[in-house]
Amino acid sequence: MLKVLFVDDSKPRIALVEKKLKASGLINHITFIVSESADSARSELLEPIDFMVLDVLLPKKDRGTPEAKNSLELLSDLESSAKPFIRPKMIVGLTADIERLKTHQGTFLNAASIVLDGSLNSQDWLDQLVSQVQIHVEAAQKSERLIKDQILITVHGIRTYGAWQAELATEVKKYSRTFDILQVKYEYVDLLYFYFPKSRERRAKELAVRLAALIKQHQGKRISIVAHSFGSVILSRAFEMLPEECRVSTVIICGSPLSESDSIDHIVKMTDQTINECGTSDTVLLLSKLFVPGLGYAGRAGFYRESTPNFVNRYFKGGHSLYFKKDRSGESFSSRFWTSTLAGQNPTVAIDERPEPVFKDFTNVLIRLLSKQWCLVFLGALVIFFGSYYTLI
């Protein structure tokens, strides 16, 4: 919705503009904000404004004396990179002082697009002003239609109800309100059910049918998917069910228990960009690799495939749930690394926070040996089932 800031100390003129906007129906398509002084306008301009109408003669503070220098200083602040104020996309100068209009018009035109004679005795300026607002509303609606059909699908893991899905939806809505959010939910899946390949695969395929149906249903829209842990297994099975002509914009896989040697060509070829997020200290996935038949730790070691313009492994310090935590400043992981990418506004940045591989030779050999010992596999499964309090796979 277009944000219009009307900076004017003339209450009759404010009332006139509001009445005209209501009569034209434009009031339903804009957020109309009124400031009666330069200082009150500054507080509004700390956030993005699409369209600003600025009285040439304006008081510095509410109920102060109107002077041209106050509005000129405000315009100067908007042009200054040292000031925190954000310049509106469109600025219209307005004054009822016909005698001084020519004096200020030249200065205003350096910063404003047009300057209108806002005399209460004339309706010309009002018609021109409303016409400009209408042009910008229609332009914003056209732009919004181009990106309105955006879908974010999220899929959670086992032993959870996916609280992070709602939190991510909130973060994405802060960044862009053009998304429809679809959360794939399913009942709690226990570790024993997850441990056995047949029961795990059966559940994954049941849920994959639902996910594949959502993807096919929303073809023609810009689709993004975030899948955590077992959600990545569901995602992989869903893409196996999709016809080749299906397209997805962005896939973010995080904390995946898929094997690092698994092929995800079927995902990458249908996706504009696929990102595999890895936690370098993901102990849950290490246990998955060692003790759970048929799984691995692609969410820790990465998928064994080349980095390309549409695929990247990224490595972060942290465990299985690092993607749903906030840093010391209070900023969430998704806000830092996902929201702009999901909105299609920033390219993916490669990140690698892996420590030096000092003990890698030893640990790799140990992992290979343990993963082939079925007695240890069974023992490990029992340990996981009865004693695990880790964050969910």
Protein backbone atom coordinates (compact mmCIF):
# COMPACT_ATOMS: atom_id res chain seq x y z
CA MET A 1 0.00 0.00 0.00
CA LEU A 2 1.34 3.44 -1.02
CA LYS A 3 2.43 5.62 1.92
CA VAL A 4 1.53 9.29 1.42
CA LEU A 5 2.91 11.90 3.83
CA PHE A 6 1.09 15.26 3.78
CA VAL A 7 3.21 17.93 5.53
CA ASP A 8 1.08 21.03 5.98
CA ASP A 9 -0.06 23.25 8.87
CA SER A 10 -3.27 24.31 7.11
CA LYS A 11 -6.11 22.29 8.62
CA PRO A 12 -8.64 23.42 5.96
CA ARG A 13 -6.28 22.27 3.20
CA ILE A 14 -5.69 18.94 4.96
CA ALA A 15 -9.46 18.43 5.23
CA LEU A 16 -9.89 19.34 1.56
CA VAL A 17 -7.28 16.81 0.43
CA GLU A 18 -8.72 14.05 2.62
CA LYS A 19 -12.20 14.71 1.27
CA LYS A 20 -10.97 14.57 -2.33
CA LEU A 21 -9.03 11.34 -1.72
CA LYS A 22 -12.12 9.73 -0.18
CA ALA A 23 -14.32 10.87 -3.05
CA SER A 24 -11.89 9.43 -5.60
CA GLY A 25 -11.61 6.13 -3.72
CA LEU A 26 -7.84 6.49 -3.47
CA ILE A 27 -7.98 6.64 0.32
CA ASN A 28 -8.58 2.87 0.28
CA HIS A 29 -5.30 2.27 -1.53
CA ILE A 30 -2.95 4.50 0.48
CA THR A 31 -1.75 5.06 4.02
CA PHE A 32 -2.42 8.77 4.54
CA ILE A 33 -0.15 10.37 7.15
CA VAL A 34 -0.40 14.01 8.22
CA SER A 35 2.40 16.08 9.80
CA GLU A 36 1.91 19.74 10.66
CA SER A 37 5.56 20.75 11.08
CA ALA A 38 9.05 20.01 9.78
CA ASP A 39 10.07 18.21 12.98
CA SER A 40 7.04 15.93 13.05
CA ALA A 41 7.68 15.12 9.38
CA ARG A 42 11.25 14.16 10.23
CA SER A 43 10.02 11.49 12.63
CA GLU A 44 7.92 9.98 9.82
CA LEU A 45 10.78 10.13 7.34
CA LEU A 46 12.87 7.73 9.40
CA GLU A 47 10.88 5.07 7.52
CA PRO A 48 10.29 4.79 3.76
CA ILE A 49 7.60 7.09 2.34
CA ASP A 50 6.45 6.77 -1.27
CA PHE A 51 4.85 10.17 -1.84
CA MET A 52 5.29 13.40 0.14
CA VAL A 53 3.38 16.67 -0.21
CA LEU A 54 5.33 19.49 1.44
CA ASP A 55 4.03 22.96 2.24
CA VAL A 56 6.57 25.56 1.15
CA LEU A 57 5.83 27.69 4.22
CA LEU A 58 6.05 25.39 7.21
CA PRO A 59 6.59 25.78 10.98
CA LYS A 60 9.56 24.01 12.53
CA LYS A 61 7.41 22.67 15.36
CA ASP A 62 3.67 22.13 15.66
CA ARG A 63 1.75 25.41 16.03
CA GLY A 64 4.90 27.41 15.25
CA THR A 65 5.42 30.22 12.76
CA PRO A 66 5.44 29.09 9.10
CA GLU A 67 8.68 29.97 7.28
CA ALA A 68 10.17 28.78 4.02
CA LYS A 69 13.55 28.06 5.66
CA ASN A 70 12.00 25.21 7.68
CA SER A 71 10.80 23.29 4.66
CA LEU A 72 14.06 24.05 2.80
CA GLU A 73 16.07 22.66 5.72
CA LEU A 74 13.90 19.56 5.73
CA LEU A 75 14.62 19.05 2.03
CA SER A 76 18.31 19.58 2.69
CA ASP A 77 18.22 16.89 5.40
CA LEU A 78 16.64 14.47 2.94
CA GLU A 79 19.47 15.02 0.48
CA SER A 80 22.21 14.62 3.11
CA SER A 81 23.87 11.20 3.40
CA ALA A 82 24.87 12.09 6.98
CA LYS A 83 21.24 12.35 8.08
CA PRO A 84 19.08 9.30 8.90
CA PHE A 85 16.04 10.51 6.95
CA ILE A 86 14.87 8.59 3.87
CA ARG A 87 14.00 10.62 0.80
CA PRO A 88 10.50 9.86 -0.57
CA LYS A 89 10.23 8.64 -4.14
CA MET A 90 8.06 11.64 -5.07
CA ILE A 91 7.98 15.12 -3.48
CA VAL A 92 5.34 17.71 -4.36
CA GLY A 93 5.80 21.27 -3.11
CA LEU A 94 2.64 23.14 -2.13
CA THR A 95 1.94 26.75 -1.13
CA ALA A 96 -0.95 29.23 -0.96
CA ASP A 97 1.48 32.16 -0.98
CA ILE A 98 1.21 33.03 -4.66
CA GLU A 99 3.56 36.00 -4.36
CA ARG A 100 6.37 33.92 -2.91
CA LEU A 101 5.72 30.88 -5.06
CA LYS A 102 8.19 31.93 -7.77
CA THR A 103 10.84 32.73 -5.15
CA HIS A 104 10.76 29.23 -3.69
CA GLN A 105 9.88 27.31 -6.82
CA GLY A 106 13.45 27.20 -8.14
CA THR A 107 14.85 25.90 -4.85
CA PHE A 108 12.08 23.36 -4.45
CA LEU A 109 12.48 22.01 -7.95
CA ASN A 110 16.02 20.95 -7.09
CA ALA A 111 14.54 18.43 -4.65
CA ALA A 112 10.84 18.22 -5.52
CA SER A 113 9.30 17.05 -8.76
CA ILE A 114 6.66 19.78 -8.96
CA VAL A 115 5.46 22.79 -6.97
CA LEU A 116 1.75 23.58 -6.96
CA ASP A 117 -0.24 26.69 -6.05
CA GLY A 118 -2.25 25.40 -3.11
CA SER A 119 -4.68 28.26 -2.78
CA LEU A 120 -7.97 27.35 -1.16
CA ASN A 121 -9.70 29.49 -3.79
CA SER A 122 -8.63 27.17 -6.60
CA GLN A 123 -9.25 23.49 -7.28
CA ASP A 124 -6.60 23.09 -9.99
CA TRP A 125 -3.82 22.15 -7.59
CA LEU A 126 -6.10 19.67 -5.83
CA ASP A 127 -6.98 17.92 -9.08
CA GLN A 128 -3.30 17.81 -10.09
CA LEU A 129 -2.29 16.47 -6.68
CA VAL A 130 -4.91 13.71 -6.69
CA SER A 131 -3.97 12.88 -10.26
CA GLN A 132 -0.32 12.41 -9.21
CA VAL A 133 -1.35 10.20 -6.29
CA GLN A 134 -3.49 8.11 -8.64
CA ILE A 135 -0.59 7.66 -11.07
CA HIS A 136 1.66 6.42 -8.26
CA VAL A 137 -1.02 4.15 -6.82
CA GLU A 138 -1.55 2.52 -10.21
CA ALA A 139 2.21 2.12 -10.71
CA ALA A 140 2.55 0.54 -7.26
CA GLN A 141 -0.34 -1.83 -8.01
CA LYS A 142 1.28 -2.92 -11.27
CA SER A 143 4.58 -3.55 -9.50
CA GLU A 144 2.81 -5.42 -6.71
CA ARG A 145 1.02 -7.65 -9.21
CA LEU A 146 4.38 -8.65 -10.64
CA ILE A 147 5.57 -9.95 -7.30
CA LYS A 148 2.31 -10.51 -5.42
CA ASP A 149 2.05 -14.14 -6.39
CA GLN A 150 4.85 -15.30 -4.13
CA ILE A 151 4.49 -18.47 -2.13
CA LEU A 152 6.66 -19.55 0.80
CA ILE A 153 6.30 -23.21 1.74
CA THR A 154 7.95 -24.45 4.95
CA VAL A 155 8.41 -28.06 6.08
CA HIS A 156 9.52 -28.99 9.61
CA GLY A 157 11.29 -32.05 11.03
CA ILE A 158 10.28 -34.86 13.38
CA ARG A 159 9.66 -34.63 17.12
CA THR A 160 8.41 -31.08 16.75
CA TYR A 161 5.38 -29.07 15.70
CA GLY A 162 7.45 -26.57 13.74
CA ALA A 163 7.18 -23.42 15.86
CA TRP A 164 9.94 -21.92 13.71
CA GLN A 165 7.61 -21.87 10.70
CA ALA A 166 5.43 -19.15 12.21
CA GLU A 167 8.51 -17.21 13.31
CA LEU A 168 9.97 -17.33 9.80
CA ALA A 169 6.63 -16.22 8.35
CA THR A 170 6.71 -13.18 10.64
CA GLU A 171 10.26 -12.33 9.55
CA VAL A 172 9.40 -12.64 5.87
CA LYS A 173 6.30 -10.48 6.29
CA LYS A 174 8.46 -7.76 7.87
CA TYR A 175 10.65 -7.77 4.80
CA SER A 176 7.94 -8.23 2.20
CA ARG A 177 4.16 -8.49 2.62
CA THR A 178 3.72 -10.01 -0.83
CA PHE A 179 4.03 -13.63 0.33
CA ASP A 180 1.36 -16.21 0.94
CA ILE A 181 2.72 -18.57 3.59
CA LEU A 182 1.97 -22.30 3.44
CA GLN A 183 3.15 -24.42 6.37
CA VAL A 184 3.33 -28.17 5.81
CA LYS A 185 2.43 -29.69 9.18
CA TYR A 186 2.20 -33.27 10.37
CA GLU A 187 1.89 -35.11 13.65
CA TYR A 188 4.75 -35.88 16.01
CA VAL A 189 7.01 -38.65 14.63
CA ASP A 190 8.94 -40.61 17.26
CA LEU A 191 12.56 -41.73 16.92
CA LEU A 192 11.77 -45.45 16.71
CA TYR A 193 9.43 -44.88 13.77
CA PHE A 194 12.10 -42.67 12.20
CA TYR A 195 14.90 -45.19 12.77
CA PHE A 196 13.57 -47.98 10.53
CA PRO A 197 14.04 -47.19 6.80
CA LYS A 198 10.72 -48.68 5.66
CA SER A 199 8.52 -46.80 8.13
CA ARG A 200 10.55 -43.60 7.63
CA GLU A 201 10.31 -43.83 3.85
CA ARG A 202 6.61 -44.58 3.95
CA ARG A 203 5.95 -41.47 6.07
CA ALA A 204 8.20 -39.31 3.88
CA LYS A 205 6.34 -40.31 0.72
CA GLU A 206 2.93 -39.72 2.31
CA LEU A 207 3.94 -36.17 3.19
CA ALA A 208 5.75 -35.68 -0.12
CA VAL A 209 2.46 -36.21 -1.96
CA ARG A 210 1.03 -33.21 -0.12
CA LEU A 211 4.07 -31.04 -0.80
CA ALA A 212 4.20 -31.98 -4.49
CA ALA A 213 0.51 -31.11 -4.81
CA LEU A 214 1.14 -27.64 -3.35
CA ILE A 215 4.02 -27.02 -5.76
CA LYS A 216 1.95 -28.09 -8.77
CA GLN A 217 -1.06 -26.11 -7.58
CA HIS A 218 0.92 -22.86 -7.44
CA GLN A 219 2.85 -23.13 -10.69
CA GLY A 220 2.99 -19.72 -12.35
CA LYS A 221 3.74 -18.13 -9.00
CA ARG A 222 7.17 -17.49 -7.51
CA ILE A 223 7.62 -20.42 -5.11
CA SER A 224 10.22 -20.60 -2.32
CA ILE A 225 10.64 -23.58 0.01
CA VAL A 226 12.45 -23.91 3.35
CA ALA A 227 12.84 -27.46 4.66
CA HIS A 228 14.50 -28.35 7.96
CA SER A 229 15.86 -31.76 8.95
CA PHE A 230 13.41 -34.55 8.03
CA GLY A 231 11.62 -31.90 5.98
CA SER A 232 14.50 -32.16 3.50
CA VAL A 233 13.76 -35.89 3.04
CA ILE A 234 10.11 -35.02 2.36
CA LEU A 235 11.27 -32.30 -0.05
CA SER A 236 13.52 -34.71 -1.96
CA ARG A 237 10.74 -37.26 -2.36
CA ALA A 238 8.30 -34.56 -3.46
CA PHE A 239 10.62 -33.38 -6.24
CA GLU A 240 10.89 -36.98 -7.46
CA MET A 241 7.12 -36.90 -7.98
CA LEU A 242 7.02 -33.62 -9.92
CA PRO A 243 6.88 -33.38 -13.72
CA GLU A 244 10.03 -31.86 -15.24
CA GLU A 245 8.25 -28.69 -16.34
CA CYS A 246 7.57 -27.64 -12.73
CA ARG A 247 9.66 -24.71 -11.52
CA VAL A 248 10.57 -23.44 -8.05
CA SER A 249 12.43 -20.20 -7.45
CA THR A 250 14.37 -20.90 -4.24
CA VAL A 251 14.93 -23.98 -2.10
CA ILE A 252 16.67 -23.67 1.27
CA ILE A 253 17.59 -26.96 2.93
CA CYS A 254 18.91 -26.82 6.50
CA GLY A 255 19.98 -29.46 9.01
CA SER A 256 19.44 -32.22 6.44
CA PRO A 257 19.90 -35.89 7.46
CA LEU A 258 20.13 -36.92 3.81
CA SER A 259 23.38 -38.61 2.89
CA GLU A 260 26.07 -36.24 1.75
CA SER A 261 26.59 -38.50 -1.29
CA ASP A 262 22.91 -38.46 -2.30
CA SER A 263 22.16 -36.91 -5.66
CA ILE A 264 19.91 -33.85 -5.51
CA ASP A 265 20.04 -33.23 -9.26
CA HIS A 266 16.26 -33.64 -9.39
CA ILE A 267 15.92 -30.65 -7.02
CA VAL A 268 18.60 -28.42 -8.51
CA LYS A 269 17.42 -28.78 -12.11
CA MET A 270 13.89 -27.61 -11.22
CA THR A 271 15.07 -24.75 -9.03
CA ASP A 272 16.56 -21.35 -9.84
CA GLN A 273 18.70 -21.56 -6.71
CA THR A 274 19.22 -24.30 -4.13
CA ILE A 275 20.97 -23.52 -0.86
CA ASN A 276 22.10 -26.23 1.57
CA GLU A 277 22.75 -24.76 5.02
CA CYS A 278 25.13 -26.72 7.25
CA GLY A 279 25.89 -26.55 10.98
CA THR A 280 29.53 -27.38 11.68
CA SER A 281 28.66 -28.60 15.22
CA ASP A 282 25.46 -30.46 14.35
CA THR A 283 25.74 -33.43 16.75
CA VAL A 284 22.25 -34.67 15.89
CA LEU A 285 23.33 -35.26 12.29
CA LEU A 286 26.56 -36.90 13.40
CA LEU A 287 24.44 -39.43 15.32
CA SER A 288 22.23 -39.76 12.27
CA LYS A 289 25.26 -40.55 10.13
CA LEU A 290 26.67 -43.11 12.59
CA PHE A 291 23.61 -44.92 13.86
CA VAL A 292 20.55 -44.45 11.63
CA PRO A 293 20.39 -46.79 8.60
CA GLY A 294 20.13 -45.05 5.24
CA LEU A 295 20.79 -41.51 6.46
CA GLY A 296 23.79 -39.20 6.58
CA TYR A 297 24.78 -35.68 7.52
CA ALA A 298 24.45 -33.47 4.46
CA GLY A 299 23.37 -30.72 6.84
CA ARG A 300 26.79 -30.88 8.46
CA ALA A 301 29.26 -31.94 5.73
CA GLY A 302 27.34 -30.59 2.74
CA PHE A 303 26.27 -32.42 -0.41
CA TYR A 304 29.16 -33.78 -2.43
CA ARG A 305 28.62 -31.74 -5.57
CA GLU A 306 30.16 -28.73 -7.23
CA SER A 307 29.10 -25.19 -6.40
CA THR A 308 27.34 -23.58 -9.35
CA PRO A 309 25.35 -20.38 -9.93
CA ASN A 310 22.22 -22.26 -8.80
CA PHE A 311 23.65 -24.43 -5.99
CA VAL A 312 25.78 -23.77 -2.92
CA ASN A 313 26.64 -25.44 0.39
CA ARG A 314 27.01 -22.88 3.18
CA TYR A 315 28.66 -23.62 6.53
CA PHE A 316 27.87 -21.93 9.83
CA LYS A 317 29.11 -22.42 13.37
CA GLY A 318 26.30 -24.01 15.33
CA GLY A 319 24.12 -27.03 15.89
CA HIS A 320 20.93 -28.50 14.53
CA SER A 321 18.71 -25.53 15.40
CA LEU A 322 21.12 -22.66 14.71
CA TYR A 323 18.79 -21.48 11.91
CA PHE A 324 16.08 -20.52 14.39
CA LYS A 325 18.19 -18.62 16.89
CA LYS A 326 19.12 -14.97 17.30
CA ASP A 327 22.60 -13.48 17.55
CA ARG A 328 23.81 -11.28 20.39
CA SER A 329 22.29 -8.21 18.79
CA GLY A 330 18.88 -9.89 18.72
CA GLU A 331 18.82 -10.38 14.95
CA SER A 332 17.51 -13.72 13.77
CA PHE A 333 19.37 -16.05 11.42
CA SER A 334 16.56 -15.87 8.88
CA SER A 335 16.60 -12.07 8.89
CA ARG A 336 20.35 -12.04 8.22
CA PHE A 337 20.59 -14.78 5.62
CA TRP A 338 17.19 -15.75 4.20
CA THR A 339 14.56 -13.02 3.92
CA SER A 340 16.08 -10.95 1.11
CA THR A 341 16.99 -14.12 -0.80
CA LEU A 342 13.47 -15.49 -0.44
CA ALA A 343 12.10 -12.18 -1.74
CA GLY A 344 14.40 -12.48 -4.76
CA GLN A 345 16.06 -9.17 -4.03
CA ASN A 346 19.62 -10.19 -3.17
CA PRO A 347 21.96 -12.84 -4.58
CA THR A 348 23.08 -15.73 -2.41
CA VAL A 349 26.40 -15.14 -0.65
CA ALA A 350 28.74 -18.11 -0.10
CA ILE A 351 29.65 -18.57 3.58
CA ASP A 352 32.16 -21.00 5.07
CA GLU A 353 32.81 -20.95 8.83
CA ARG A 354 34.27 -24.46 9.03
CA PRO A 355 37.29 -24.82 11.34
CA GLU A 356 40.62 -26.09 10.08
CA PRO A 357 40.44 -29.89 9.46
CA VAL A 358 43.03 -30.82 12.10
CA PHE A 359 41.44 -34.16 13.09
CA LYS A 360 39.53 -34.75 9.88
CA ASP A 361 41.56 -37.81 8.80
CA PHE A 362 40.88 -39.57 12.09
CA THR A 363 37.19 -38.67 12.35
CA ASN A 364 36.45 -39.62 8.73
CA VAL A 365 38.00 -43.07 9.20
CA LEU A 366 36.10 -43.54 12.47
CA ILE A 367 32.81 -42.54 10.87
CA ARG A 368 33.29 -44.98 8.00
CA LEU A 369 34.13 -47.84 10.37
CA LEU A 370 31.27 -47.22 12.75
CA SER A 371 28.71 -46.73 10.03
CA LYS A 372 29.38 -50.28 8.77
CA GLN A 373 29.04 -52.03 12.12
CA TRP A 374 25.39 -53.05 12.43
CA CYS A 375 25.70 -54.02 16.06
CA LEU A 376 26.81 -50.52 16.87
CA VAL A 377 24.07 -49.20 14.66
CA PHE A 378 21.46 -51.01 16.69
CA LEU A 379 23.09 -50.01 19.98
CA GLY A 380 23.25 -46.41 18.83
CA ALA A 381 19.59 -46.49 17.89
CA LEU A 382 18.65 -47.60 21.38
CA VAL A 383 20.82 -44.88 22.92
CA ILE A 384 19.18 -42.27 20.71
CA PHE A 385 15.67 -43.49 21.41
CA PHE A 386 15.92 -43.82 25.18
CA GLY A 387 18.46 -41.19 26.09
CA SER A 388 18.41 -38.48 23.45
CA TYR A 389 17.38 -34.99 24.45
CA TYR A 390 18.90 -33.31 21.44
CA THR A 391 17.08 -30.85 19.28
CA LEU A 392 14.97 -32.64 16.72
CA ILE A 393 16.11 -34.32 13.57
